[in-house]
Protein backbone atom coordinates (compact mmCIF):
# COMPACT_ATOMS: atom_id res chain seq x y z
CA MET A 1 -29.71 -18.77 -39.93
CA ALA A 2 -28.02 -19.52 -36.64
CA SER A 3 -28.98 -22.67 -34.83
CA LEU A 4 -29.82 -22.91 -31.15
CA GLN A 5 -26.66 -24.99 -30.67
CA ASP A 6 -24.35 -22.06 -31.60
CA SER A 7 -21.16 -22.52 -29.55
CA SER A 8 -20.13 -18.86 -29.59
CA THR A 9 -22.58 -17.68 -26.94
CA ILE A 10 -21.69 -17.66 -23.27
CA GLN A 11 -24.85 -19.51 -22.31
CA SER A 12 -23.80 -22.56 -24.31
CA GLN A 13 -20.32 -22.75 -22.75
CA PRO A 14 -19.67 -24.90 -19.69
CA ILE A 15 -19.36 -22.91 -16.48
CA GLN A 16 -15.72 -24.00 -16.10
CA TRP A 17 -14.77 -22.29 -19.37
CA VAL A 18 -16.70 -19.15 -18.50
CA LEU A 19 -15.06 -18.92 -15.08
CA MET A 20 -11.64 -19.62 -16.55
CA ARG A 21 -12.08 -16.81 -19.08
CA ILE A 22 -13.19 -14.41 -16.36
CA ILE A 23 -10.20 -15.30 -14.17
CA LEU A 24 -7.77 -15.00 -17.07
CA LEU A 25 -9.17 -11.63 -18.15
CA SER A 26 -9.10 -10.25 -14.61
CA GLY A 27 -5.53 -11.52 -14.19
CA LEU A 28 -4.58 -9.86 -17.45
CA ALA A 29 -6.15 -6.58 -16.31
CA VAL A 30 -4.21 -6.71 -13.04
CA LEU A 31 -0.98 -7.50 -14.91
CA VAL A 32 -1.46 -4.56 -17.28
CA ALA A 33 -2.24 -2.21 -14.38
CA THR A 34 0.82 -3.43 -12.47
CA VAL A 35 3.13 -2.97 -15.45
CA GLY A 36 1.74 0.52 -16.00
CA ALA A 37 2.21 1.51 -12.37
CA PHE A 38 5.73 0.06 -12.23
CA SER A 39 6.71 1.82 -15.47
CA ALA A 40 5.38 5.16 -14.21
CA TYR A 41 7.27 4.75 -10.92
CA GLU A 42 10.52 3.86 -12.68
CA LEU A 43 10.17 6.83 -15.04
CA LEU A 44 9.65 9.23 -12.15
CA ALA A 45 12.46 7.68 -10.11
CA PHE A 46 14.86 7.93 -13.06
CA ARG A 47 13.87 11.55 -13.65
CA ASN A 48 14.34 12.49 -10.00
CA GLY A 49 17.67 10.67 -9.84
CA SER A 50 18.91 12.45 -12.95
CA ILE A 51 17.89 15.82 -11.54
CA GLU A 52 19.68 15.07 -8.26
CA GLN A 53 22.87 14.00 -10.09
CA LEU A 54 22.78 17.16 -12.21
CA ARG A 55 22.25 19.29 -9.11
CA THR A 56 25.21 17.63 -7.35
CA LEU A 57 27.47 18.04 -10.37
CA SER A 58 26.54 21.70 -10.80
CA THR A 59 27.22 22.35 -7.10
CA ALA A 60 30.66 20.74 -7.39
CA ILE A 61 31.49 22.76 -10.50
CA ALA A 62 30.32 25.97 -8.84
CA THR A 63 32.35 25.28 -5.71
CA ASN A 64 35.53 24.40 -7.59
CA SER A 65 35.34 27.25 -10.08
CA THR A 66 34.58 30.09 -7.65
CA ALA A 67 38.24 30.99 -7.09
CA ALA A 68 39.07 30.86 -10.79
CA LEU A 69 36.19 33.22 -11.57
CA ALA A 70 36.97 35.56 -8.67
CA PHE A 71 40.61 35.97 -9.74
CA ASP A 72 39.87 35.80 -13.48
CA ASP A 73 42.22 32.84 -13.88
CA SER A 74 41.25 31.16 -17.15
CA GLY A 75 43.94 28.48 -16.78
CA GLN A 76 42.54 27.31 -13.47
CA ALA A 77 38.98 27.44 -14.83
CA ALA A 78 40.04 25.24 -17.76
CA THR A 79 41.68 22.81 -15.34
CA VAL A 80 38.51 22.56 -13.25
CA LEU A 81 36.34 21.96 -16.32
CA ALA A 82 38.82 19.47 -17.79
CA ALA A 83 38.58 17.40 -14.61
CA LEU A 84 34.97 16.61 -15.41
């Protein structure tokens, strides 16, 4: 049988402790939301940066290997690919 002096209920806690818990929980919620948003942004930025680097590299390979492909020069094509 629980007594009326049970310290686990919110009503029996001093208002300072209740307010401190509310502030800490709201701060924790904001921190979790901020970390989630920052992580999502970094993931998308990394993905977009990787795609842009791959696009740039493929453009450079295509530009440098056009002559080797047009003249069917496998030696020059190997040289271009070895430079990577």
